[in-house]
Amino acid sequence: VEKNLTAEKFSEWKGLLRKWKVDVYIPRFKLKTRYSLVETLTDMGMPTAFTEKADFSGIDGTRSLSIGDVIHQAFVEVDEEGTEAAAATAVTLVLETSLPPSPPVFRADRPFIFVIQERKSGNILFLGRVANPA
């Protein structure tokens, strides 16, 4: 799944989703990442910014500045408080004559990929993988 995950495939899968009441069990986890963006930014067309040929004269009036490194850090944590908040919004009403059917259960007890998206724009803010949810 991970090798074939593209923006197009993600949009296709997301379009197939429907709202459905489900009991979700997700393990507690913390993900921390820290990495350099120099190679990525160079590949995206900014190679000169990291060399002596860089022109940041608009900052200090000279051409003696260049970028040494660009560090990206991300942190995602899922714990009981997040689970409790989600569970607090899932209220089941009971009819006097009969009980509603139990919702299906989803347990993230094997490796999984998660996505955190901004609601209005749909922009992906975080994309991660939990390899060992035990």
N, C-alpha and C. Protein backbone atom coordinates (compact mmCIF):
# COMPACT_ATOMS: atom_id res chain seq x y z
N VAL A 1 0.83 -1.19 0.00
CA VAL A 1 0.00 0.00 0.00
C VAL A 1 0.87 1.25 0.00
N GLU A 2 1.89 1.26 0.88
CA GLU A 2 2.72 2.45 1.03
C GLU A 2 3.47 2.78 -0.26
N LYS A 3 3.98 1.78 -0.96
CA LYS A 3 4.72 2.02 -2.20
C LYS A 3 3.83 2.63 -3.28
N ASN A 4 2.56 2.28 -3.27
CA ASN A 4 1.63 2.75 -4.30
C ASN A 4 0.85 3.99 -3.90
N LEU A 5 1.15 4.57 -2.73
CA LEU A 5 0.41 5.73 -2.25
C LEU A 5 0.87 6.99 -2.98
N THR A 6 -0.01 7.54 -3.78
CA THR A 6 0.25 8.80 -4.49
C THR A 6 -0.85 9.78 -4.11
N ALA A 7 -0.67 11.04 -4.46
CA ALA A 7 -1.70 12.04 -4.19
C ALA A 7 -3.00 11.67 -4.90
N GLU A 8 -2.88 11.16 -6.12
CA GLU A 8 -4.07 10.78 -6.88
C GLU A 8 -4.79 9.61 -6.21
N LYS A 9 -4.02 8.60 -5.79
CA LYS A 9 -4.60 7.42 -5.16
C LYS A 9 -5.25 7.80 -3.83
N PHE A 10 -4.59 8.69 -3.07
CA PHE A 10 -5.15 9.14 -1.80
C PHE A 10 -6.48 9.85 -2.03
N SER A 11 -6.54 10.73 -3.02
CA SER A 11 -7.79 11.43 -3.35
C SER A 11 -8.88 10.45 -3.76
N GLU A 12 -8.49 9.44 -4.53
CA GLU A 12 -9.46 8.43 -4.97
C GLU A 12 -10.02 7.69 -3.76
N TRP A 13 -9.13 7.24 -2.86
CA TRP A 13 -9.58 6.50 -1.66
C TRP A 13 -10.45 7.38 -0.78
N LYS A 14 -10.03 8.64 -0.63
CA LYS A 14 -10.80 9.56 0.22
C LYS A 14 -12.20 9.78 -0.35
N GLY A 15 -12.31 9.82 -1.67
CA GLY A 15 -13.60 9.99 -2.32
C GLY A 15 -14.54 8.81 -2.10
N LEU A 16 -13.99 7.66 -1.78
CA LEU A 16 -14.80 6.47 -1.54
C LEU A 16 -15.29 6.37 -0.09
N LEU A 17 -14.75 7.22 0.78
CA LEU A 17 -15.13 7.16 2.20
C LEU A 17 -16.55 7.66 2.42
N ARG A 18 -17.21 7.05 3.36
CA ARG A 18 -18.54 7.47 3.78
C ARG A 18 -18.56 7.58 5.30
N LYS A 19 -19.36 8.50 5.83
CA LYS A 19 -19.48 8.62 7.29
C LYS A 19 -20.15 7.38 7.83
N TRP A 20 -19.58 6.82 8.87
CA TRP A 20 -20.08 5.59 9.44
C TRP A 20 -19.66 5.55 10.89
N LYS A 21 -20.56 5.19 11.77
CA LYS A 21 -20.21 5.08 13.18
C LYS A 21 -19.41 3.80 13.38
N VAL A 22 -18.19 3.96 13.89
CA VAL A 22 -17.28 2.84 14.10
C VAL A 22 -16.58 3.04 15.43
N ASP A 23 -16.41 1.96 16.20
CA ASP A 23 -15.58 2.01 17.40
C ASP A 23 -14.14 1.84 16.96
N VAL A 24 -13.31 2.85 17.23
CA VAL A 24 -11.92 2.84 16.77
C VAL A 24 -11.00 2.69 17.97
N TYR A 25 -10.05 1.77 17.86
CA TYR A 25 -9.03 1.55 18.88
C TYR A 25 -7.67 1.77 18.24
N ILE A 26 -7.01 2.85 18.69
CA ILE A 26 -5.69 3.20 18.16
C ILE A 26 -4.72 3.19 19.33
N PRO A 27 -3.55 2.59 19.16
CA PRO A 27 -2.58 2.57 20.26
C PRO A 27 -1.99 3.96 20.50
N ARG A 28 -1.49 4.15 21.72
CA ARG A 28 -0.76 5.39 22.00
C ARG A 28 0.54 5.35 21.20
N PHE A 29 0.90 6.49 20.63
CA PHE A 29 2.19 6.54 19.96
C PHE A 29 2.68 7.97 19.87
N LYS A 30 3.99 8.10 19.77
CA LYS A 30 4.66 9.39 19.56
C LYS A 30 5.58 9.22 18.37
N LEU A 31 5.55 10.16 17.48
CA LEU A 31 6.48 10.16 16.36
C LEU A 31 7.22 11.48 16.36
N LYS A 32 8.53 11.39 16.32
CA LYS A 32 9.37 12.58 16.24
C LYS A 32 10.29 12.40 15.04
N THR A 33 10.37 13.42 14.21
CA THR A 33 11.30 13.37 13.09
C THR A 33 12.10 14.66 13.05
N ARG A 34 13.29 14.55 12.55
CA ARG A 34 14.17 15.71 12.36
C ARG A 34 15.06 15.36 11.17
N TYR A 35 14.99 16.19 10.14
CA TYR A 35 15.85 15.92 9.00
C TYR A 35 16.16 17.20 8.25
N SER A 36 17.24 17.11 7.49
CA SER A 36 17.69 18.25 6.69
C SER A 36 16.92 18.30 5.38
N LEU A 37 16.58 19.51 4.96
CA LEU A 37 15.88 19.71 3.69
C LEU A 37 16.80 20.19 2.57
N VAL A 38 18.12 20.21 2.82
CA VAL A 38 19.04 20.73 1.81
C VAL A 38 18.92 19.97 0.50
N GLU A 39 18.96 18.65 0.55
CA GLU A 39 18.88 17.85 -0.68
C GLU A 39 17.54 18.07 -1.39
N THR A 40 16.46 18.08 -0.62
CA THR A 40 15.13 18.28 -1.20
C THR A 40 15.03 19.65 -1.87
N LEU A 41 15.46 20.69 -1.17
CA LEU A 41 15.38 22.04 -1.73
C LEU A 41 16.30 22.21 -2.93
N THR A 42 17.46 21.57 -2.89
CA THR A 42 18.37 21.60 -4.04
C THR A 42 17.70 20.94 -5.25
N ASP A 43 17.08 19.78 -5.02
CA ASP A 43 16.39 19.07 -6.11
C ASP A 43 15.19 19.87 -6.64
N MET A 44 14.61 20.73 -5.79
CA MET A 44 13.45 21.53 -6.20
C MET A 44 13.87 22.82 -6.92
N GLY A 45 15.18 23.04 -7.06
CA GLY A 45 15.63 24.20 -7.83
C GLY A 45 16.33 25.28 -7.04
N MET A 46 16.80 24.98 -5.83
CA MET A 46 17.50 25.98 -5.03
C MET A 46 18.96 25.63 -4.76
N PRO A 47 19.70 25.08 -5.71
CA PRO A 47 21.07 24.65 -5.39
C PRO A 47 22.01 25.80 -5.03
N THR A 48 21.84 26.94 -5.65
CA THR A 48 22.75 28.07 -5.43
C THR A 48 22.65 28.62 -4.02
N ALA A 49 21.49 28.51 -3.39
CA ALA A 49 21.30 29.07 -2.05
C ALA A 49 22.24 28.46 -1.02
N PHE A 50 22.78 27.28 -1.29
CA PHE A 50 23.64 26.58 -0.34
C PHE A 50 25.12 26.67 -0.70
N THR A 51 25.47 27.56 -1.65
CA THR A 51 26.86 27.71 -2.09
C THR A 51 27.32 29.15 -1.91
N GLU A 52 28.60 29.36 -2.22
CA GLU A 52 29.17 30.72 -2.14
C GLU A 52 28.56 31.64 -3.19
N LYS A 53 27.91 31.08 -4.20
CA LYS A 53 27.29 31.88 -5.26
C LYS A 53 25.93 32.45 -4.85
N ALA A 54 25.45 32.12 -3.66
CA ALA A 54 24.14 32.60 -3.19
C ALA A 54 24.13 34.12 -3.13
N ASP A 55 22.99 34.71 -3.44
CA ASP A 55 22.85 36.16 -3.38
C ASP A 55 21.75 36.53 -2.39
N PHE A 56 22.18 36.75 -1.15
CA PHE A 56 21.27 37.23 -0.11
C PHE A 56 21.65 38.66 0.26
N SER A 57 22.09 39.43 -0.73
CA SER A 57 22.53 40.80 -0.48
C SER A 57 21.39 41.68 0.01
N GLY A 58 20.16 41.28 -0.25
CA GLY A 58 19.02 42.03 0.27
C GLY A 58 18.89 41.93 1.78
N ILE A 59 19.58 40.97 2.38
CA ILE A 59 19.52 40.80 3.83
C ILE A 59 20.62 41.59 4.53
N ASP A 60 21.88 41.45 4.04
CA ASP A 60 22.98 42.12 4.75
C ASP A 60 23.77 43.10 3.89
N GLY A 61 23.37 43.31 2.64
CA GLY A 61 24.06 44.27 1.78
C GLY A 61 25.30 43.71 1.11
N THR A 62 25.71 42.51 1.47
CA THR A 62 26.87 41.88 0.83
C THR A 62 26.42 40.56 0.20
N ARG A 63 27.36 39.90 -0.45
CA ARG A 63 27.06 38.58 -1.02
C ARG A 63 27.84 37.51 -0.25
N SER A 64 27.99 37.71 1.05
CA SER A 64 28.78 36.77 1.85
C SER A 64 27.91 35.77 2.63
N LEU A 65 26.61 35.79 2.40
CA LEU A 65 25.71 34.85 3.09
C LEU A 65 25.31 33.70 2.18
N SER A 66 25.21 32.52 2.77
CA SER A 66 24.60 31.37 2.11
C SER A 66 23.89 30.56 3.19
N ILE A 67 23.02 29.67 2.78
CA ILE A 67 22.29 28.85 3.75
C ILE A 67 23.14 27.63 4.07
N GLY A 68 23.36 27.39 5.35
CA GLY A 68 24.13 26.22 5.78
C GLY A 68 23.28 24.97 5.84
N ASP A 69 22.08 25.08 6.38
CA ASP A 69 21.19 23.93 6.51
C ASP A 69 19.77 24.42 6.74
N VAL A 70 18.81 23.59 6.39
CA VAL A 70 17.40 23.84 6.69
C VAL A 70 16.91 22.58 7.37
N ILE A 71 16.50 22.71 8.63
CA ILE A 71 16.09 21.56 9.43
C ILE A 71 14.57 21.56 9.56
N HIS A 72 13.97 20.40 9.32
CA HIS A 72 12.53 20.22 9.52
C HIS A 72 12.34 19.27 10.70
N GLN A 73 11.47 19.65 11.63
CA GLN A 73 11.13 18.79 12.76
C GLN A 73 9.62 18.64 12.82
N ALA A 74 9.18 17.45 13.15
CA ALA A 74 7.75 17.21 13.31
C ALA A 74 7.53 16.31 14.52
N PHE A 75 6.39 16.50 15.17
CA PHE A 75 6.06 15.72 16.36
C PHE A 75 4.56 15.44 16.33
N VAL A 76 4.20 14.19 16.46
CA VAL A 76 2.79 13.79 16.52
C VAL A 76 2.65 12.85 17.70
N GLU A 77 1.63 13.08 18.53
CA GLU A 77 1.38 12.21 19.68
C GLU A 77 -0.11 11.88 19.74
N VAL A 78 -0.39 10.62 19.90
CA VAL A 78 -1.76 10.15 20.10
C VAL A 78 -1.78 9.44 21.43
N ASP A 79 -2.66 9.89 22.34
CA ASP A 79 -2.73 9.26 23.66
C ASP A 79 -4.18 9.15 24.11
N GLU A 80 -4.34 8.80 25.40
CA GLU A 80 -5.69 8.59 25.93
C GLU A 80 -6.57 9.82 25.82
N GLU A 81 -6.00 10.99 25.99
CA GLU A 81 -6.81 12.21 25.91
C GLU A 81 -7.43 12.36 24.53
N GLY A 82 -6.66 12.06 23.50
CA GLY A 82 -7.20 12.11 22.15
C GLY A 82 -8.29 11.07 21.95
N THR A 83 -8.07 9.89 22.50
CA THR A 83 -9.06 8.82 22.39
C THR A 83 -10.31 9.17 23.18
N GLU A 84 -10.13 9.73 24.37
CA GLU A 84 -11.30 10.12 25.17
C GLU A 84 -12.09 11.21 24.47
N ALA A 85 -11.44 12.15 23.88
CA ALA A 85 -12.14 13.23 23.19
C ALA A 85 -12.96 12.67 22.03
N ALA A 86 -12.39 11.73 21.30
CA ALA A 86 -13.12 11.12 20.19
C ALA A 86 -14.29 10.29 20.71
N ALA A 87 -14.07 9.58 21.81
CA ALA A 87 -15.13 8.73 22.37
C ALA A 87 -16.25 9.59 22.94
N ALA A 88 -15.92 10.77 23.47
CA ALA A 88 -16.94 11.63 24.08
C ALA A 88 -17.93 12.14 23.04
N THR A 89 -17.51 12.22 21.80
CA THR A 89 -18.42 12.71 20.76
C THR A 89 -19.26 11.59 20.16
N ALA A 90 -18.94 10.36 20.48
CA ALA A 90 -19.69 9.22 19.93
C ALA A 90 -20.72 8.75 20.94
N VAL A 91 -21.85 9.43 20.99
CA VAL A 91 -22.92 9.10 21.93
C VAL A 91 -23.92 8.20 21.23
N THR A 92 -24.26 7.10 21.88
CA THR A 92 -25.26 6.19 21.33
C THR A 92 -26.57 6.40 22.05
N LEU A 93 -27.63 6.68 21.32
CA LEU A 93 -28.96 6.82 21.90
C LEU A 93 -29.63 5.46 21.91
N VAL A 94 -30.34 5.17 22.99
CA VAL A 94 -31.03 3.89 23.12
C VAL A 94 -32.52 4.11 22.95
N LEU A 95 -33.11 3.36 22.04
CA LEU A 95 -34.56 3.40 21.88
C LEU A 95 -35.20 2.58 23.00
N GLU A 96 -36.36 2.99 23.43
CA GLU A 96 -37.01 2.26 24.52
C GLU A 96 -37.42 0.86 24.11
N THR A 97 -37.67 0.64 22.85
CA THR A 97 -38.15 -0.67 22.42
C THR A 97 -37.03 -1.64 22.08
N SER A 98 -35.89 -1.13 21.61
CA SER A 98 -34.80 -2.04 21.27
C SER A 98 -33.47 -1.30 21.27
N LEU A 99 -32.40 -2.05 21.36
CA LEU A 99 -31.07 -1.47 21.33
C LEU A 99 -30.60 -1.35 19.89
N PRO A 100 -29.84 -0.30 19.58
CA PRO A 100 -29.30 -0.19 18.23
C PRO A 100 -28.22 -1.25 18.03
N PRO A 101 -27.96 -1.64 16.81
CA PRO A 101 -26.91 -2.62 16.57
C PRO A 101 -25.56 -2.03 16.97
N SER A 102 -24.66 -2.89 17.42
CA SER A 102 -23.31 -2.44 17.78
C SER A 102 -22.58 -1.99 16.53
N PRO A 103 -21.83 -0.88 16.66
CA PRO A 103 -21.08 -0.42 15.49
C PRO A 103 -19.92 -1.38 15.21
N PRO A 104 -19.45 -1.41 13.97
CA PRO A 104 -18.28 -2.23 13.67
C PRO A 104 -17.08 -1.71 14.45
N VAL A 105 -16.08 -2.57 14.63
CA VAL A 105 -14.88 -2.22 15.39
C VAL A 105 -13.69 -2.19 14.45
N PHE A 106 -12.88 -1.13 14.59
CA PHE A 106 -11.61 -1.04 13.87
C PHE A 106 -10.50 -0.99 14.91
N ARG A 107 -9.59 -1.95 14.88
CA ARG A 107 -8.44 -1.98 15.79
C ARG A 107 -7.16 -1.81 14.98
N ALA A 108 -6.42 -0.78 15.30
CA ALA A 108 -5.14 -0.55 14.63
C ALA A 108 -4.07 -1.36 15.37
N ASP A 109 -4.13 -2.69 15.22
CA ASP A 109 -3.21 -3.57 15.94
C ASP A 109 -2.18 -4.19 15.00
N ARG A 110 -2.00 -3.57 13.85
CA ARG A 110 -0.97 -3.97 12.90
C ARG A 110 -0.42 -2.68 12.29
N PRO A 111 0.68 -2.73 11.56
CA PRO A 111 1.24 -1.49 11.00
C PRO A 111 0.19 -0.71 10.21
N PHE A 112 0.24 0.63 10.36
CA PHE A 112 -0.73 1.46 9.65
C PHE A 112 -0.13 2.80 9.27
N ILE A 113 -0.77 3.44 8.30
CA ILE A 113 -0.40 4.78 7.86
C ILE A 113 -1.48 5.73 8.35
N PHE A 114 -1.09 6.92 8.82
CA PHE A 114 -2.09 7.90 9.22
C PHE A 114 -1.85 9.21 8.50
N VAL A 115 -2.93 9.95 8.33
CA VAL A 115 -2.89 11.25 7.65
C VAL A 115 -3.64 12.25 8.50
N ILE A 116 -3.05 13.41 8.71
CA ILE A 116 -3.74 14.52 9.38
C ILE A 116 -3.88 15.62 8.33
N GLN A 117 -5.13 15.97 8.03
CA GLN A 117 -5.43 16.93 6.98
C GLN A 117 -6.13 18.15 7.54
N GLU A 118 -5.90 19.30 6.91
CA GLU A 118 -6.64 20.52 7.22
C GLU A 118 -8.00 20.38 6.54
N ARG A 119 -9.07 20.61 7.30
CA ARG A 119 -10.42 20.33 6.80
C ARG A 119 -10.80 21.12 5.55
N LYS A 120 -10.63 22.44 5.59
CA LYS A 120 -11.13 23.28 4.49
C LYS A 120 -10.35 23.06 3.20
N SER A 121 -9.03 23.11 3.27
CA SER A 121 -8.22 23.02 2.05
C SER A 121 -7.94 21.58 1.64
N GLY A 122 -7.98 20.66 2.60
CA GLY A 122 -7.62 19.28 2.31
C GLY A 122 -6.12 19.05 2.29
N ASN A 123 -5.34 20.11 2.60
CA ASN A 123 -3.89 19.97 2.61
C ASN A 123 -3.46 18.97 3.67
N ILE A 124 -2.51 18.11 3.31
CA ILE A 124 -1.97 17.14 4.26
C ILE A 124 -0.96 17.86 5.14
N LEU A 125 -1.20 17.86 6.45
CA LEU A 125 -0.30 18.50 7.40
C LEU A 125 0.73 17.51 7.92
N PHE A 126 0.31 16.28 8.17
CA PHE A 126 1.20 15.23 8.63
C PHE A 126 0.82 13.93 7.93
N LEU A 127 1.83 13.16 7.58
CA LEU A 127 1.65 11.83 7.01
C LEU A 127 2.68 10.96 7.69
N GLY A 128 2.24 9.87 8.32
CA GLY A 128 3.19 9.04 9.05
C GLY A 128 2.85 7.58 8.98
N ARG A 129 3.78 6.78 9.49
CA ARG A 129 3.62 5.33 9.50
C ARG A 129 3.96 4.82 10.89
N VAL A 130 3.10 3.98 11.44
CA VAL A 130 3.38 3.30 12.70
C VAL A 130 3.68 1.85 12.33
N ALA A 131 4.95 1.46 12.45
CA ALA A 131 5.37 0.14 12.01
C ALA A 131 5.09 -0.94 13.05
N ASN A 132 5.14 -0.57 14.34
CA ASN A 132 4.91 -1.55 15.40
C ASN A 132 3.96 -0.97 16.43
N PRO A 133 2.66 -1.16 16.27
CA PRO A 133 1.68 -0.55 17.17
C PRO A 133 1.55 -1.25 18.52
N ALA A 134 2.36 -2.27 18.77
CA ALA A 134 2.26 -3.01 20.05
C ALA A 134 2.71 -2.18 21.22
